[in-house]
Amino acid sequence: MTLTRLTLATLTLSTLTITACATMQVNSYVERGADVTRYRTYEWAAPDTQATGDPRLDNNEFFRGRIQSQVDRRLSGLGFELTAAAPDLVVHYHASVAQEVNANAVDQLDTSCEDCEAFVYDAGTIVVDLVDARTRRLVWRGWAEGSLDGAIDSQAAMERQIDEAITKIMERLPRRL
């Protein structure tokens, strides 16, 4: 009976730990004094030429296209217009994937760690920058980071996570009144 409870407790804690890894954290910064709502048009910056070191991301047209189409959709919904003729903003994104380790201790009543477990997972970050086209100053940055939870190897799962990340990032963009 005690072993069953311990096994159940271990499985529950492991599940909670993995779920906690999957939580997406979203943040943003606005340049002090910048009024992001005054901008009306934008264009995309040239893609990163510096490799991330991850062949799943580097020169991946599907990944880039998905991010750009989602950002375009969100910006359009906020009243921004994509243009190549004298845009107000230049939009740039950067993405990275790194392996992270999450360790937990099932028995924390003493200093020993007999039931310690470590989970290695892929953590992804997407950063979206809005740069003033005239001054070339960064006026807004939004980013999302979290566990990819196997999505890096599944197109459908990756598309869902990109969509969720971009939606949450763009929700932090100041709105026009």
N, C-alpha and C. Protein backbone atom coordinates (compact mmCIF):
# COMPACT_ATOMS: atom_id res chain seq x y z
N MET A 1 0.82 -1.19 0.00
CA MET A 1 0.00 0.00 0.00
C MET A 1 0.86 1.25 0.00
N THR A 2 1.92 1.27 0.83
CA THR A 2 2.80 2.42 0.90
C THR A 2 3.53 2.60 -0.42
N LEU A 3 3.96 1.50 -1.01
CA LEU A 3 4.65 1.58 -2.29
C LEU A 3 3.73 2.13 -3.37
N THR A 4 2.47 1.74 -3.35
CA THR A 4 1.51 2.25 -4.33
C THR A 4 1.31 3.75 -4.16
N ARG A 5 1.21 4.21 -2.92
CA ARG A 5 1.06 5.65 -2.67
C ARG A 5 2.30 6.41 -3.12
N LEU A 6 3.47 5.84 -2.83
CA LEU A 6 4.71 6.48 -3.24
C LEU A 6 4.80 6.53 -4.76
N THR A 7 4.44 5.44 -5.42
CA THR A 7 4.45 5.41 -6.88
C THR A 7 3.48 6.43 -7.45
N LEU A 8 2.28 6.48 -6.87
CA LEU A 8 1.28 7.44 -7.32
C LEU A 8 1.75 8.87 -7.09
N ALA A 9 2.36 9.13 -5.95
CA ALA A 9 2.87 10.47 -5.65
C ALA A 9 3.98 10.84 -6.63
N THR A 10 4.86 9.88 -6.92
CA THR A 10 5.95 10.14 -7.86
C THR A 10 5.40 10.44 -9.25
N LEU A 11 4.45 9.65 -9.71
CA LEU A 11 3.85 9.88 -11.03
C LEU A 11 3.13 11.22 -11.09
N THR A 12 2.41 11.55 -10.03
CA THR A 12 1.70 12.83 -10.00
C THR A 12 2.67 13.99 -10.04
N LEU A 13 3.73 13.93 -9.22
CA LEU A 13 4.71 15.01 -9.21
C LEU A 13 5.44 15.10 -10.54
N SER A 14 5.76 13.96 -11.13
CA SER A 14 6.42 13.96 -12.44
C SER A 14 5.54 14.61 -13.49
N THR A 15 4.26 14.27 -13.47
CA THR A 15 3.31 14.87 -14.42
C THR A 15 3.22 16.37 -14.21
N LEU A 16 3.13 16.80 -12.96
CA LEU A 16 3.07 18.23 -12.67
C LEU A 16 4.34 18.94 -13.12
N THR A 17 5.48 18.29 -12.92
CA THR A 17 6.75 18.89 -13.33
C THR A 17 6.80 19.05 -14.84
N ILE A 18 6.41 18.01 -15.56
CA ILE A 18 6.42 18.10 -17.02
C ILE A 18 5.43 19.15 -17.49
N THR A 19 4.26 19.20 -16.87
CA THR A 19 3.26 20.21 -17.22
C THR A 19 3.79 21.61 -16.94
N ALA A 20 4.50 21.76 -15.81
CA ALA A 20 5.06 23.07 -15.48
C ALA A 20 6.07 23.50 -16.52
N CYS A 21 6.82 22.54 -17.07
CA CYS A 21 7.78 22.87 -18.12
C CYS A 21 7.06 23.40 -19.36
N ALA A 22 5.84 22.95 -19.57
CA ALA A 22 5.11 23.29 -20.78
C ALA A 22 4.47 24.67 -20.72
N THR A 23 4.48 25.32 -19.57
CA THR A 23 3.86 26.63 -19.44
C THR A 23 4.62 27.65 -20.28
N MET A 24 3.88 28.39 -21.08
CA MET A 24 4.48 29.41 -21.93
C MET A 24 4.53 30.74 -21.17
N GLN A 25 5.70 31.32 -21.10
CA GLN A 25 5.88 32.62 -20.47
C GLN A 25 5.94 33.67 -21.57
N VAL A 26 5.16 34.73 -21.43
CA VAL A 26 5.10 35.78 -22.45
C VAL A 26 5.37 37.12 -21.77
N ASN A 27 6.20 37.93 -22.41
CA ASN A 27 6.54 39.25 -21.88
C ASN A 27 6.72 40.24 -23.02
N SER A 28 6.80 41.51 -22.67
CA SER A 28 7.08 42.53 -23.67
C SER A 28 7.66 43.76 -23.01
N TYR A 29 8.36 44.55 -23.80
CA TYR A 29 8.90 45.84 -23.37
C TYR A 29 8.52 46.89 -24.40
N VAL A 30 8.23 48.08 -23.93
CA VAL A 30 7.98 49.22 -24.81
C VAL A 30 9.05 50.25 -24.50
N GLU A 31 9.66 50.82 -25.53
CA GLU A 31 10.63 51.89 -25.34
C GLU A 31 9.95 53.04 -24.60
N ARG A 32 10.58 53.51 -23.54
CA ARG A 32 10.01 54.63 -22.78
C ARG A 32 9.80 55.83 -23.69
N GLY A 33 8.61 56.38 -23.63
CA GLY A 33 8.28 57.54 -24.44
C GLY A 33 7.79 57.21 -25.84
N ALA A 34 7.91 55.95 -26.23
CA ALA A 34 7.46 55.56 -27.57
C ALA A 34 5.95 55.34 -27.56
N ASP A 35 5.28 55.85 -28.57
CA ASP A 35 3.84 55.65 -28.73
C ASP A 35 3.64 54.68 -29.89
N VAL A 36 3.57 53.41 -29.58
CA VAL A 36 3.46 52.38 -30.61
C VAL A 36 2.15 52.53 -31.39
N THR A 37 1.15 53.13 -30.78
CA THR A 37 -0.15 53.26 -31.45
C THR A 37 -0.14 54.27 -32.59
N ARG A 38 0.90 55.09 -32.69
CA ARG A 38 0.93 56.10 -33.77
C ARG A 38 1.41 55.51 -35.10
N TYR A 39 1.98 54.33 -35.06
CA TYR A 39 2.47 53.69 -36.28
C TYR A 39 1.30 53.06 -37.03
N ARG A 40 1.39 53.09 -38.36
CA ARG A 40 0.30 52.56 -39.18
C ARG A 40 0.76 51.47 -40.16
N THR A 41 1.98 51.55 -40.65
CA THR A 41 2.45 50.62 -41.68
C THR A 41 3.72 49.92 -41.23
N TYR A 42 4.01 48.79 -41.87
CA TYR A 42 5.21 48.03 -41.52
C TYR A 42 5.69 47.22 -42.72
N GLU A 43 6.93 46.78 -42.62
CA GLU A 43 7.51 45.83 -43.56
C GLU A 43 8.34 44.84 -42.76
N TRP A 44 8.66 43.73 -43.38
CA TRP A 44 9.48 42.72 -42.71
C TRP A 44 10.96 43.00 -42.96
N ALA A 45 11.76 42.84 -41.94
CA ALA A 45 13.22 42.92 -42.09
C ALA A 45 13.70 41.66 -42.80
N ALA A 46 14.89 41.73 -43.34
CA ALA A 46 15.49 40.54 -43.95
C ALA A 46 15.66 39.47 -42.87
N PRO A 47 15.52 38.19 -43.23
CA PRO A 47 15.67 37.12 -42.24
C PRO A 47 17.07 37.12 -41.62
N ASP A 48 17.17 36.56 -40.42
CA ASP A 48 18.46 36.43 -39.76
C ASP A 48 19.45 35.71 -40.66
N THR A 49 20.65 36.23 -40.74
CA THR A 49 21.70 35.54 -41.49
C THR A 49 22.57 34.73 -40.54
N GLN A 50 22.50 35.05 -39.25
CA GLN A 50 23.27 34.31 -38.26
C GLN A 50 22.51 33.03 -37.90
N ALA A 51 23.17 31.91 -38.05
CA ALA A 51 22.53 30.62 -37.78
C ALA A 51 22.29 30.44 -36.29
N THR A 52 21.20 29.77 -35.96
CA THR A 52 20.90 29.47 -34.56
C THR A 52 21.69 28.25 -34.09
N GLY A 53 22.18 27.47 -35.05
CA GLY A 53 22.86 26.24 -34.71
C GLY A 53 21.92 25.05 -34.67
N ASP A 54 20.65 25.31 -34.87
CA ASP A 54 19.65 24.23 -34.88
C ASP A 54 19.13 24.08 -36.31
N PRO A 55 19.47 22.98 -36.98
CA PRO A 55 19.05 22.81 -38.37
C PRO A 55 17.54 22.75 -38.56
N ARG A 56 16.79 22.52 -37.47
CA ARG A 56 15.33 22.51 -37.57
C ARG A 56 14.78 23.92 -37.75
N LEU A 57 15.57 24.94 -37.39
CA LEU A 57 15.13 26.33 -37.52
C LEU A 57 15.85 27.08 -38.63
N ASP A 58 17.14 26.82 -38.78
CA ASP A 58 17.94 27.57 -39.75
C ASP A 58 17.45 27.34 -41.17
N ASN A 59 17.22 28.43 -41.88
CA ASN A 59 16.76 28.40 -43.28
C ASN A 59 15.50 27.56 -43.46
N ASN A 60 14.63 27.56 -42.49
CA ASN A 60 13.40 26.79 -42.56
C ASN A 60 12.27 27.70 -43.03
N GLU A 61 11.96 27.62 -44.31
CA GLU A 61 10.93 28.49 -44.91
C GLU A 61 9.55 28.25 -44.31
N PHE A 62 9.25 27.00 -43.93
CA PHE A 62 7.95 26.70 -43.34
C PHE A 62 7.80 27.42 -42.00
N PHE A 63 8.83 27.34 -41.19
CA PHE A 63 8.83 27.98 -39.87
C PHE A 63 8.70 29.50 -40.02
N ARG A 64 9.55 30.07 -40.87
CA ARG A 64 9.53 31.52 -41.10
C ARG A 64 8.18 31.96 -41.64
N GLY A 65 7.65 31.22 -42.60
CA GLY A 65 6.36 31.57 -43.19
C GLY A 65 5.24 31.53 -42.17
N ARG A 66 5.27 30.54 -41.28
CA ARG A 66 4.22 30.43 -40.27
C ARG A 66 4.27 31.61 -39.30
N ILE A 67 5.47 31.94 -38.85
CA ILE A 67 5.60 33.07 -37.92
C ILE A 67 5.16 34.35 -38.61
N GLN A 68 5.65 34.59 -39.82
CA GLN A 68 5.31 35.84 -40.51
C GLN A 68 3.82 35.94 -40.81
N SER A 69 3.20 34.84 -41.22
CA SER A 69 1.76 34.92 -41.52
C SER A 69 0.94 35.18 -40.26
N GLN A 70 1.36 34.62 -39.14
CA GLN A 70 0.63 34.86 -37.89
C GLN A 70 0.82 36.29 -37.41
N VAL A 71 2.05 36.81 -37.51
CA VAL A 71 2.28 38.21 -37.13
C VAL A 71 1.51 39.13 -38.06
N ASP A 72 1.55 38.86 -39.38
CA ASP A 72 0.79 39.67 -40.34
C ASP A 72 -0.69 39.69 -39.98
N ARG A 73 -1.23 38.53 -39.68
CA ARG A 73 -2.64 38.44 -39.33
C ARG A 73 -2.97 39.27 -38.08
N ARG A 74 -2.13 39.17 -37.07
CA ARG A 74 -2.37 39.91 -35.82
C ARG A 74 -2.20 41.41 -36.04
N LEU A 75 -1.17 41.81 -36.76
CA LEU A 75 -0.97 43.25 -37.00
C LEU A 75 -2.09 43.81 -37.85
N SER A 76 -2.52 43.07 -38.86
CA SER A 76 -3.64 43.51 -39.69
C SER A 76 -4.90 43.71 -38.84
N GLY A 77 -5.13 42.79 -37.92
CA GLY A 77 -6.28 42.89 -37.03
C GLY A 77 -6.22 44.09 -36.11
N LEU A 78 -5.01 44.61 -35.91
CA LEU A 78 -4.82 45.80 -35.07
C LEU A 78 -4.79 47.08 -35.91
N GLY A 79 -5.01 46.95 -37.22
CA GLY A 79 -5.08 48.12 -38.08
C GLY A 79 -3.78 48.49 -38.77
N PHE A 80 -2.75 47.66 -38.67
CA PHE A 80 -1.49 47.92 -39.36
C PHE A 80 -1.59 47.42 -40.79
N GLU A 81 -0.85 48.08 -41.68
CA GLU A 81 -0.85 47.70 -43.09
C GLU A 81 0.57 47.33 -43.53
N LEU A 82 0.71 46.18 -44.17
CA LEU A 82 1.99 45.73 -44.71
C LEU A 82 2.27 46.50 -45.99
N THR A 83 3.44 47.12 -46.07
CA THR A 83 3.80 47.90 -47.25
C THR A 83 5.32 47.90 -47.40
N ALA A 84 5.78 48.05 -48.63
CA ALA A 84 7.21 48.18 -48.88
C ALA A 84 7.58 49.64 -49.13
N ALA A 85 6.57 50.50 -49.27
CA ALA A 85 6.80 51.91 -49.58
C ALA A 85 6.78 52.74 -48.30
N ALA A 86 7.95 53.12 -47.85
CA ALA A 86 8.12 54.00 -46.68
C ALA A 86 7.31 53.55 -45.46
N PRO A 87 7.58 52.35 -44.94
CA PRO A 87 6.83 51.88 -43.77
C PRO A 87 7.23 52.64 -42.51
N ASP A 88 6.33 52.64 -41.54
CA ASP A 88 6.61 53.26 -40.24
C ASP A 88 7.48 52.35 -39.38
N LEU A 89 7.24 51.05 -39.48
CA LEU A 89 7.93 50.06 -38.66
C LEU A 89 8.59 48.99 -39.52
N VAL A 90 9.65 48.42 -38.98
CA VAL A 90 10.27 47.24 -39.55
C VAL A 90 10.10 46.13 -38.51
N VAL A 91 9.52 45.01 -38.95
CA VAL A 91 9.27 43.89 -38.04
C VAL A 91 10.35 42.84 -38.24
N HIS A 92 10.86 42.36 -37.14
CA HIS A 92 11.89 41.33 -37.17
C HIS A 92 11.54 40.27 -36.13
N TYR A 93 11.87 39.03 -36.41
CA TYR A 93 11.69 38.00 -35.40
C TYR A 93 12.97 37.19 -35.28
N HIS A 94 13.11 36.55 -34.15
CA HIS A 94 14.21 35.63 -33.92
C HIS A 94 13.65 34.45 -33.13
N ALA A 95 14.12 33.27 -33.44
CA ALA A 95 13.67 32.08 -32.72
C ALA A 95 14.88 31.24 -32.35
N SER A 96 14.77 30.55 -31.23
CA SER A 96 15.84 29.65 -30.82
C SER A 96 15.25 28.45 -30.07
N VAL A 97 15.99 27.37 -30.09
CA VAL A 97 15.64 26.17 -29.35
C VAL A 97 16.87 25.74 -28.58
N ALA A 98 16.69 25.44 -27.31
CA ALA A 98 17.80 24.97 -26.47
C ALA A 98 17.29 23.84 -25.59
N GLN A 99 18.17 22.93 -25.28
CA GLN A 99 17.78 21.87 -24.34
C GLN A 99 17.91 22.40 -22.92
N GLU A 100 16.87 22.19 -22.14
CA GLU A 100 16.83 22.61 -20.74
C GLU A 100 16.68 21.37 -19.87
N VAL A 101 17.08 21.51 -18.62
CA VAL A 101 16.94 20.43 -17.66
C VAL A 101 16.07 20.93 -16.52
N ASN A 102 15.07 20.15 -16.16
CA ASN A 102 14.23 20.46 -15.02
C ASN A 102 14.40 19.33 -14.02
N ALA A 103 14.89 19.65 -12.84
CA ALA A 103 15.11 18.63 -11.82
C ALA A 103 14.12 18.84 -10.69
N ASN A 104 13.66 17.74 -10.13
CA ASN A 104 12.77 17.83 -8.98
C ASN A 104 13.18 16.79 -7.96
N ALA A 105 12.79 17.03 -6.73
CA ALA A 105 13.07 16.09 -5.65
C ALA A 105 11.74 15.65 -5.07
N VAL A 106 11.46 14.36 -5.15
CA VAL A 106 10.21 13.84 -4.62
C VAL A 106 10.25 13.87 -3.10
N ASP A 107 11.39 13.51 -2.50
CA ASP A 107 11.51 13.49 -1.05
C ASP A 107 12.31 14.71 -0.62
N GLN A 108 11.65 15.73 -0.15
CA GLN A 108 12.35 16.95 0.25
C GLN A 108 12.36 17.13 1.76
N LEU A 109 12.10 16.05 2.52
CA LEU A 109 12.07 16.16 3.97
C LEU A 109 13.46 16.16 4.57
N ASP A 110 14.42 15.65 3.85
CA ASP A 110 15.79 15.69 4.35
C ASP A 110 16.70 16.18 3.23
N THR A 111 17.98 16.21 3.51
CA THR A 111 18.92 16.76 2.52
C THR A 111 19.33 15.73 1.47
N SER A 112 18.98 14.47 1.68
CA SER A 112 19.32 13.47 0.66
C SER A 112 18.34 13.59 -0.50
N CYS A 113 18.75 13.05 -1.60
CA CYS A 113 17.90 13.16 -2.79
C CYS A 113 17.82 11.80 -3.47
N GLU A 114 17.19 10.85 -2.77
CA GLU A 114 17.10 9.50 -3.30
C GLU A 114 16.14 9.41 -4.48
N ASP A 115 15.12 10.25 -4.48
CA ASP A 115 14.11 10.18 -5.54
C ASP A 115 14.18 11.37 -6.49
N CYS A 116 15.37 11.92 -6.65
CA CYS A 116 15.52 13.05 -7.57
C CYS A 116 15.35 12.57 -9.00
N GLU A 117 14.71 13.39 -9.79
CA GLU A 117 14.53 13.07 -11.20
C GLU A 117 14.87 14.32 -12.01
N ALA A 118 15.41 14.09 -13.17
CA ALA A 118 15.71 15.20 -14.07
C ALA A 118 15.05 14.92 -15.41
N PHE A 119 14.48 15.96 -15.99
CA PHE A 119 13.84 15.87 -17.29
C PHE A 119 14.55 16.81 -18.24
N VAL A 120 14.96 16.29 -19.38
CA VAL A 120 15.56 17.12 -20.42
C VAL A 120 14.48 17.38 -21.46
N TYR A 121 14.33 18.63 -21.83
CA TYR A 121 13.30 18.98 -22.81
C TYR A 121 13.79 20.12 -23.69
N ASP A 122 13.17 20.26 -24.86
CA ASP A 122 13.48 21.37 -25.76
C ASP A 122 12.68 22.59 -25.32
N ALA A 123 13.38 23.69 -25.08
CA ALA A 123 12.72 24.95 -24.74
C ALA A 123 12.90 25.89 -25.92
N GLY A 124 11.82 26.51 -26.33
CA GLY A 124 11.86 27.41 -27.47
C GLY A 124 11.56 28.84 -27.07
N THR A 125 12.12 29.77 -27.82
CA THR A 125 11.87 31.19 -27.62
C THR A 125 11.60 31.83 -28.97
N ILE A 126 10.55 32.63 -29.04
CA ILE A 126 10.27 33.45 -30.22
C ILE A 126 10.24 34.89 -29.75
N VAL A 127 11.00 35.74 -30.44
CA VAL A 127 11.07 37.17 -30.13
C VAL A 127 10.57 37.93 -31.35
N VAL A 128 9.66 38.88 -31.14
CA VAL A 128 9.17 39.75 -32.21
C VAL A 128 9.56 41.18 -31.86
N ASP A 129 10.28 41.83 -32.77
CA ASP A 129 10.72 43.22 -32.56
C ASP A 129 10.01 44.14 -33.54
N LEU A 130 9.61 45.31 -33.06
CA LEU A 130 9.11 46.38 -33.91
C LEU A 130 10.11 47.53 -33.81
N VAL A 131 10.68 47.88 -34.95
CA VAL A 131 11.73 48.90 -35.01
C VAL A 131 11.20 50.09 -35.80
N ASP A 132 11.40 51.29 -35.28
CA ASP A 132 11.02 52.51 -35.99
C ASP A 132 11.85 52.57 -37.27
N ALA A 133 11.20 52.61 -38.42
CA ALA A 133 11.90 52.57 -39.71
C ALA A 133 12.75 53.81 -39.94
N ARG A 134 12.33 54.95 -39.41
CA ARG A 134 13.05 56.19 -39.63
C ARG A 134 14.28 56.29 -38.72
N THR A 135 14.10 56.03 -37.42
CA THR A 135 15.19 56.19 -36.46
C THR A 135 16.01 54.92 -36.25
N ARG A 136 15.47 53.78 -36.70
CA ARG A 136 16.10 52.47 -36.51
C ARG A 136 16.22 52.09 -35.02
N ARG A 137 15.35 52.63 -34.19
CA ARG A 137 15.33 52.31 -32.77
C ARG A 137 14.25 51.27 -32.48
N LEU A 138 14.59 50.34 -31.62
CA LEU A 138 13.63 49.35 -31.18
C LEU A 138 12.57 50.05 -30.33
N VAL A 139 11.30 49.94 -30.72
CA VAL A 139 10.24 50.59 -29.95
C VAL A 139 9.39 49.60 -29.17
N TRP A 140 9.38 48.34 -29.58
CA TRP A 140 8.61 47.33 -28.86
C TRP A 140 9.22 45.96 -29.10
N ARG A 141 9.26 45.16 -28.05
CA ARG A 141 9.73 43.77 -28.16
C ARG A 141 8.79 42.89 -27.36
N GLY A 142 8.34 41.82 -27.99
CA GLY A 142 7.53 40.82 -27.30
C GLY A 142 8.14 39.46 -27.50
N TRP A 143 8.03 38.60 -26.50
CA TRP A 143 8.60 37.28 -26.64
C TRP A 143 7.81 36.25 -25.84
N ALA A 144 7.93 35.02 -26.31
CA ALA A 144 7.33 33.88 -25.63
C ALA A 144 8.39 32.81 -25.52
N GLU A 145 8.38 32.14 -24.38
CA GLU A 145 9.33 31.05 -24.19
C GLU A 145 8.67 29.94 -23.38
N GLY A 146 9.07 28.73 -23.69
CA GLY A 146 8.52 27.59 -22.97
C GLY A 146 8.91 26.28 -23.61
N SER A 147 8.42 25.22 -23.02
CA SER A 147 8.71 23.88 -23.50
C SER A 147 8.03 23.65 -24.85
N LEU A 148 8.75 23.02 -25.75
CA LEU A 148 8.17 22.68 -27.04
C LEU A 148 7.41 21.36 -26.96
N ASP A 149 7.60 20.62 -25.88
CA ASP A 149 6.80 19.44 -25.58
C ASP A 149 6.62 18.53 -26.80
N GLY A 150 7.72 18.25 -27.51
CA GLY A 150 7.67 17.37 -28.67
C GLY A 150 7.23 18.04 -29.96
N ALA A 151 6.86 19.32 -29.89
CA ALA A 151 6.33 20.01 -31.07
C ALA A 151 7.38 20.24 -32.14
N ILE A 152 8.63 20.27 -31.76
CA ILE A 152 9.67 20.56 -32.74
C ILE A 152 9.73 19.48 -33.82
N ASP A 153 9.25 18.29 -33.51
CA ASP A 153 9.29 17.18 -34.47
C ASP A 153 7.94 16.88 -35.09
N SER A 154 6.94 17.71 -34.84
CA SER A 154 5.60 17.50 -35.39
C SER A 154 5.11 18.81 -36.00
N GLN A 155 4.87 18.81 -37.29
CA GLN A 155 4.46 20.04 -37.96
C GLN A 155 3.16 20.60 -37.38
N ALA A 156 2.17 19.76 -37.17
CA ALA A 156 0.89 20.23 -36.64
C ALA A 156 1.05 20.81 -35.23
N ALA A 157 1.82 20.13 -34.39
CA ALA A 157 2.04 20.62 -33.02
C ALA A 157 2.84 21.92 -33.04
N MET A 158 3.84 22.00 -33.92
CA MET A 158 4.65 23.22 -34.01
C MET A 158 3.79 24.39 -34.48
N GLU A 159 2.94 24.16 -35.45
CA GLU A 159 2.06 25.24 -35.93
C GLU A 159 1.15 25.73 -34.81
N ARG A 160 0.62 24.80 -34.01
CA ARG A 160 -0.24 25.20 -32.88
C ARG A 160 0.54 26.05 -31.88
N GLN A 161 1.77 25.64 -31.59
CA GLN A 161 2.56 26.40 -30.61
C GLN A 161 2.98 27.76 -31.15
N ILE A 162 3.32 27.82 -32.43
CA ILE A 162 3.65 29.12 -33.03
C ILE A 162 2.43 30.03 -32.98
N ASP A 163 1.27 29.50 -33.37
CA ASP A 163 0.04 30.30 -33.35
C ASP A 163 -0.25 30.82 -31.95
N GLU A 164 -0.14 29.95 -30.96
CA GLU A 164 -0.40 30.36 -29.57
C GLU A 164 0.61 31.41 -29.12
N ALA A 165 1.89 31.18 -29.42
CA ALA A 165 2.93 32.12 -28.99
C ALA A 165 2.73 33.49 -29.63
N ILE A 166 2.52 33.53 -30.94
CA ILE A 166 2.35 34.81 -31.62
C ILE A 166 1.09 35.52 -31.14
N THR A 167 0.02 34.78 -30.94
CA THR A 167 -1.21 35.39 -30.43
C THR A 167 -0.96 36.04 -29.08
N LYS A 168 -0.31 35.31 -28.18
CA LYS A 168 -0.06 35.84 -26.83
C LYS A 168 0.93 37.01 -26.87
N ILE A 169 1.93 36.92 -27.73
CA ILE A 169 2.90 38.02 -27.85
C ILE A 169 2.19 39.28 -28.33
N MET A 170 1.42 39.15 -29.40
CA MET A 170 0.79 40.32 -30.01
C MET A 170 -0.32 40.90 -29.14
N GLU A 171 -0.89 40.11 -28.24
CA GLU A 171 -1.87 40.64 -27.29
C GLU A 171 -1.25 41.67 -26.36
N ARG A 172 0.06 41.63 -26.23
CA ARG A 172 0.76 42.57 -25.34
C ARG A 172 1.12 43.89 -26.03
N LEU A 173 0.88 43.95 -27.33
CA LEU A 173 1.15 45.19 -28.08
C LEU A 173 0.12 46.24 -27.69
N PRO A 174 0.56 47.46 -27.35
CA PRO A 174 -0.41 48.51 -26.98
C PRO A 174 -1.44 48.72 -28.08
N ARG A 175 -2.68 48.93 -27.70
CA ARG A 175 -3.80 49.10 -28.63
C ARG A 175 -4.05 50.57 -28.92
N ARG A 176 -4.58 50.79 -30.12
CA ARG A 176 -5.03 52.14 -30.47
C ARG A 176 -6.34 52.39 -29.74
N LEU A 177 -6.57 53.62 -29.34
CA LEU A 177 -7.83 53.97 -28.66
C LEU A 177 -8.91 54.29 -29.65
